[in-house]
């Protein structure tokens, strides 16, 4: 199987806290979202505490998903993490 990347994006305060807007994660096949978060945390040490915060929201290919769900992420996917959005 050919290795490709998952594009992982960080928005708003997460981007500032991690000091980067995105990261490419090499992947063969697929991973669960939790496995992807652990892989990102291994690549960016500051990400471990941030990605596993209960308030962090997530989208896979621009569709909102539960960040605690075992959603499968495949090579070529785009995963975005962002803080909760408030309005009034």
N, C-alpha and C. Protein backbone atom coordinates (compact mmCIF):
# COMPACT_ATOMS: atom_id res chain seq x y z
N UNK A 1 0.84 -1.18 0.00
CA UNK A 1 0.00 0.00 0.00
C UNK A 1 0.89 1.25 0.00
N UNK A 2 0.56 2.19 -0.83
CA UNK A 2 1.36 3.41 -0.94
C UNK A 2 1.09 4.33 0.25
N UNK A 3 2.15 4.86 0.81
CA UNK A 3 2.02 5.76 1.96
C UNK A 3 1.64 7.15 1.47
N UNK A 4 0.63 7.74 2.10
CA UNK A 4 0.24 9.12 1.82
C UNK A 4 0.00 9.83 3.15
N UNK A 5 -0.45 11.06 3.06
CA UNK A 5 -0.59 11.87 4.27
C UNK A 5 -2.03 12.17 4.61
N UNK A 6 -2.24 12.44 5.88
CA UNK A 6 -3.46 13.05 6.39
C UNK A 6 -3.09 14.48 6.72
N UNK A 7 -3.86 15.42 6.24
CA UNK A 7 -3.62 16.84 6.55
C UNK A 7 -4.37 17.18 7.84
N UNK A 8 -3.64 17.57 8.86
CA UNK A 8 -4.22 17.90 10.16
C UNK A 8 -4.11 19.41 10.37
N UNK A 9 -5.25 20.06 10.53
CA UNK A 9 -5.30 21.51 10.68
C UNK A 9 -5.63 21.90 12.11
N UNK A 10 -5.06 23.02 12.55
CA UNK A 10 -5.33 23.57 13.88
C UNK A 10 -5.85 24.99 13.71
N UNK A 11 -6.96 25.31 14.34
CA UNK A 11 -7.58 26.62 14.18
C UNK A 11 -7.62 27.41 15.48
N UNK A 12 -7.70 28.72 15.30
CA UNK A 12 -7.89 29.69 16.39
C UNK A 12 -6.84 29.51 17.49
N UNK A 13 -7.29 29.40 18.74
CA UNK A 13 -6.33 29.33 19.85
C UNK A 13 -5.47 28.07 19.80
N UNK A 14 -5.96 26.99 19.20
CA UNK A 14 -5.13 25.79 19.09
C UNK A 14 -3.92 26.05 18.20
N UNK A 15 -4.15 26.79 17.13
CA UNK A 15 -3.04 27.16 16.24
C UNK A 15 -2.00 27.97 17.01
N UNK A 16 -2.46 28.90 17.81
CA UNK A 16 -1.54 29.74 18.60
C UNK A 16 -0.81 28.91 19.64
N UNK A 17 -1.51 28.03 20.33
CA UNK A 17 -0.89 27.23 21.38
C UNK A 17 0.14 26.24 20.83
N UNK A 18 -0.11 25.74 19.62
CA UNK A 18 0.82 24.79 19.00
C UNK A 18 1.85 25.46 18.11
N UNK A 19 1.66 26.75 17.88
CA UNK A 19 2.58 27.54 17.07
C UNK A 19 2.73 26.98 15.65
N UNK A 20 1.62 26.49 15.10
CA UNK A 20 1.62 25.98 13.73
C UNK A 20 0.17 25.85 13.25
N UNK A 21 -0.08 26.09 11.96
CA UNK A 21 -1.45 25.99 11.44
C UNK A 21 -1.83 24.57 11.03
N UNK A 22 -0.84 23.75 10.71
CA UNK A 22 -1.16 22.40 10.25
C UNK A 22 0.07 21.50 10.32
N UNK A 23 -0.18 20.21 10.15
CA UNK A 23 0.88 19.22 10.12
C UNK A 23 0.43 18.10 9.19
N UNK A 24 1.36 17.51 8.49
CA UNK A 24 1.07 16.35 7.64
C UNK A 24 1.50 15.09 8.38
N UNK A 25 0.59 14.13 8.46
CA UNK A 25 0.87 12.88 9.16
C UNK A 25 0.92 11.76 8.13
N UNK A 26 2.05 11.08 8.04
CA UNK A 26 2.18 9.95 7.12
C UNK A 26 1.34 8.79 7.63
N UNK A 27 0.67 8.15 6.69
CA UNK A 27 -0.27 7.10 7.08
C UNK A 27 -0.36 6.05 5.99
N UNK A 28 -0.36 4.82 6.39
CA UNK A 28 -0.65 3.71 5.49
C UNK A 28 -1.97 3.13 5.94
N UNK A 29 -2.95 3.09 5.06
CA UNK A 29 -4.25 2.54 5.42
C UNK A 29 -5.07 3.54 6.19
N UNK A 30 -5.55 3.13 7.37
CA UNK A 30 -6.40 4.02 8.17
C UNK A 30 -6.09 3.87 9.66
N UNK A 31 -6.51 4.88 10.41
CA UNK A 31 -6.39 4.91 11.87
C UNK A 31 -7.70 5.41 12.43
N UNK A 32 -7.96 5.11 13.69
CA UNK A 32 -9.08 5.78 14.34
C UNK A 32 -8.65 7.20 14.67
N UNK A 33 -9.60 8.05 14.95
CA UNK A 33 -9.30 9.42 15.31
C UNK A 33 -8.42 9.48 16.56
N UNK A 34 -8.70 8.62 17.53
CA UNK A 34 -7.88 8.58 18.75
C UNK A 34 -6.44 8.19 18.44
N UNK A 35 -6.25 7.24 17.55
CA UNK A 35 -4.90 6.84 17.15
C UNK A 35 -4.19 7.97 16.42
N UNK A 36 -4.93 8.70 15.58
CA UNK A 36 -4.34 9.84 14.88
C UNK A 36 -3.91 10.91 15.89
N UNK A 37 -4.75 11.18 16.89
CA UNK A 37 -4.38 12.19 17.90
C UNK A 37 -3.11 11.77 18.63
N UNK A 38 -2.98 10.49 18.94
CA UNK A 38 -1.76 10.02 19.61
C UNK A 38 -0.54 10.16 18.69
N UNK A 39 -0.73 9.91 17.40
CA UNK A 39 0.37 10.04 16.44
C UNK A 39 0.80 11.51 16.32
N UNK A 40 -0.17 12.42 16.28
CA UNK A 40 0.14 13.86 16.24
C UNK A 40 0.87 14.26 17.52
N UNK A 41 0.40 13.78 18.66
CA UNK A 41 1.03 14.11 19.94
C UNK A 41 2.47 13.61 20.00
N UNK A 42 2.77 12.49 19.35
CA UNK A 42 4.14 11.99 19.31
C UNK A 42 5.02 12.88 18.44
N UNK A 43 4.41 13.53 17.45
CA UNK A 43 5.17 14.41 16.55
C UNK A 43 5.33 15.81 17.11
N UNK A 44 4.33 16.28 17.87
CA UNK A 44 4.32 17.64 18.43
C UNK A 44 4.01 17.50 19.92
N UNK A 45 5.03 17.60 20.75
CA UNK A 45 4.86 17.30 22.17
C UNK A 45 3.77 18.14 22.84
N UNK A 46 3.61 19.39 22.44
CA UNK A 46 2.60 20.25 23.06
C UNK A 46 1.18 19.79 22.73
N UNK A 47 1.03 19.01 21.69
CA UNK A 47 -0.31 18.62 21.23
C UNK A 47 -0.99 17.61 22.14
N UNK A 48 -0.24 16.84 22.89
CA UNK A 48 -0.85 15.78 23.70
C UNK A 48 -1.91 16.33 24.65
N UNK A 49 -1.56 17.31 25.44
CA UNK A 49 -2.53 17.86 26.39
C UNK A 49 -3.67 18.57 25.66
N UNK A 50 -3.35 19.24 24.58
CA UNK A 50 -4.34 20.06 23.87
C UNK A 50 -5.37 19.20 23.14
N UNK A 51 -4.94 18.22 22.37
CA UNK A 51 -5.86 17.44 21.55
C UNK A 51 -6.81 16.57 22.37
N UNK A 52 -6.41 16.24 23.58
CA UNK A 52 -7.26 15.38 24.41
C UNK A 52 -8.09 16.17 25.42
N UNK A 53 -8.11 17.51 25.29
CA UNK A 53 -9.01 18.32 26.13
C UNK A 53 -10.45 18.03 25.72
N UNK A 54 -11.33 17.99 26.70
CA UNK A 54 -12.72 17.62 26.42
C UNK A 54 -13.46 18.67 25.59
N UNK A 55 -12.96 19.90 25.54
CA UNK A 55 -13.66 20.95 24.79
C UNK A 55 -13.22 21.07 23.34
N UNK A 56 -12.17 20.36 22.94
CA UNK A 56 -11.68 20.46 21.57
C UNK A 56 -12.68 19.80 20.63
N UNK A 57 -13.00 20.51 19.56
CA UNK A 57 -13.93 20.02 18.55
C UNK A 57 -13.15 19.51 17.35
N UNK A 58 -13.80 18.67 16.53
CA UNK A 58 -13.09 18.04 15.42
C UNK A 58 -14.00 17.89 14.21
N UNK A 59 -13.39 18.01 13.04
CA UNK A 59 -14.08 17.74 11.77
C UNK A 59 -13.17 16.86 10.91
N UNK A 60 -13.78 15.91 10.23
CA UNK A 60 -13.06 15.07 9.28
C UNK A 60 -13.67 15.33 7.92
N UNK A 61 -12.83 15.79 7.00
CA UNK A 61 -13.31 16.16 5.66
C UNK A 61 -14.48 17.14 5.74
N UNK A 62 -14.36 18.12 6.63
CA UNK A 62 -15.29 19.22 6.84
C UNK A 62 -16.64 18.79 7.40
N UNK A 63 -16.72 17.59 7.96
CA UNK A 63 -17.94 17.13 8.62
C UNK A 63 -17.64 16.98 10.11
N UNK A 64 -18.44 17.60 10.96
CA UNK A 64 -18.22 17.53 12.40
C UNK A 64 -18.33 16.08 12.88
N UNK A 65 -17.41 15.70 13.76
CA UNK A 65 -17.43 14.37 14.37
C UNK A 65 -17.18 14.51 15.86
N UNK A 66 -17.60 13.51 16.60
CA UNK A 66 -17.32 13.47 18.02
C UNK A 66 -15.83 13.12 18.18
N UNK A 67 -15.04 14.00 18.82
CA UNK A 67 -13.61 13.74 18.94
C UNK A 67 -13.28 12.49 19.75
N UNK A 68 -14.24 11.97 20.50
CA UNK A 68 -14.01 10.76 21.29
C UNK A 68 -14.44 9.51 20.53
N UNK A 69 -15.12 9.66 19.40
CA UNK A 69 -15.60 8.52 18.63
C UNK A 69 -14.44 7.86 17.88
N UNK A 70 -14.61 6.60 17.58
CA UNK A 70 -13.58 5.89 16.83
C UNK A 70 -13.84 5.99 15.33
N UNK A 71 -13.92 7.23 14.86
CA UNK A 71 -14.08 7.51 13.44
C UNK A 71 -12.79 7.11 12.74
N UNK A 72 -12.92 6.45 11.59
CA UNK A 72 -11.73 6.08 10.83
C UNK A 72 -11.25 7.23 9.98
N UNK A 73 -9.96 7.46 10.02
CA UNK A 73 -9.29 8.48 9.20
C UNK A 73 -8.40 7.73 8.23
N UNK A 74 -8.51 8.10 6.95
CA UNK A 74 -7.75 7.41 5.91
C UNK A 74 -6.77 8.35 5.24
N UNK A 75 -5.80 7.77 4.59
CA UNK A 75 -4.84 8.55 3.82
C UNK A 75 -5.60 9.45 2.85
N UNK A 76 -5.18 10.71 2.77
CA UNK A 76 -5.85 11.68 1.91
C UNK A 76 -6.92 12.50 2.61
N UNK A 77 -7.31 12.12 3.83
CA UNK A 77 -8.33 12.87 4.58
C UNK A 77 -7.76 14.17 5.14
N UNK A 78 -8.66 15.07 5.47
CA UNK A 78 -8.31 16.32 6.16
C UNK A 78 -9.02 16.30 7.51
N UNK A 79 -8.25 16.50 8.57
CA UNK A 79 -8.79 16.51 9.93
C UNK A 79 -8.50 17.87 10.53
N UNK A 80 -9.52 18.49 11.09
CA UNK A 80 -9.36 19.82 11.70
C UNK A 80 -9.73 19.77 13.17
N UNK A 81 -8.92 20.42 13.98
CA UNK A 81 -9.18 20.55 15.42
C UNK A 81 -9.33 22.03 15.73
N UNK A 82 -10.33 22.35 16.57
CA UNK A 82 -10.55 23.75 16.93
C UNK A 82 -11.25 23.84 18.27
N UNK A 83 -11.11 25.01 18.91
CA UNK A 83 -11.75 25.18 20.21
C UNK A 83 -13.26 25.38 20.03
N UNK A 84 -14.02 25.26 21.10
CA UNK A 84 -15.46 25.46 20.98
C UNK A 84 -15.76 26.88 20.50
N UNK A 85 -16.83 26.99 19.74
CA UNK A 85 -17.23 28.28 19.19
C UNK A 85 -18.37 28.80 20.07
N UNK A 86 -18.26 30.06 20.45
CA UNK A 86 -19.33 30.65 21.24
C UNK A 86 -19.91 31.83 20.47
N UNK A 87 -21.10 32.13 20.78
CA UNK A 87 -21.76 33.25 20.11
C UNK A 87 -22.81 33.83 21.04
N UNK A 88 -23.38 34.90 20.59
CA UNK A 88 -24.37 35.49 21.47
C UNK A 88 -25.22 36.48 20.77
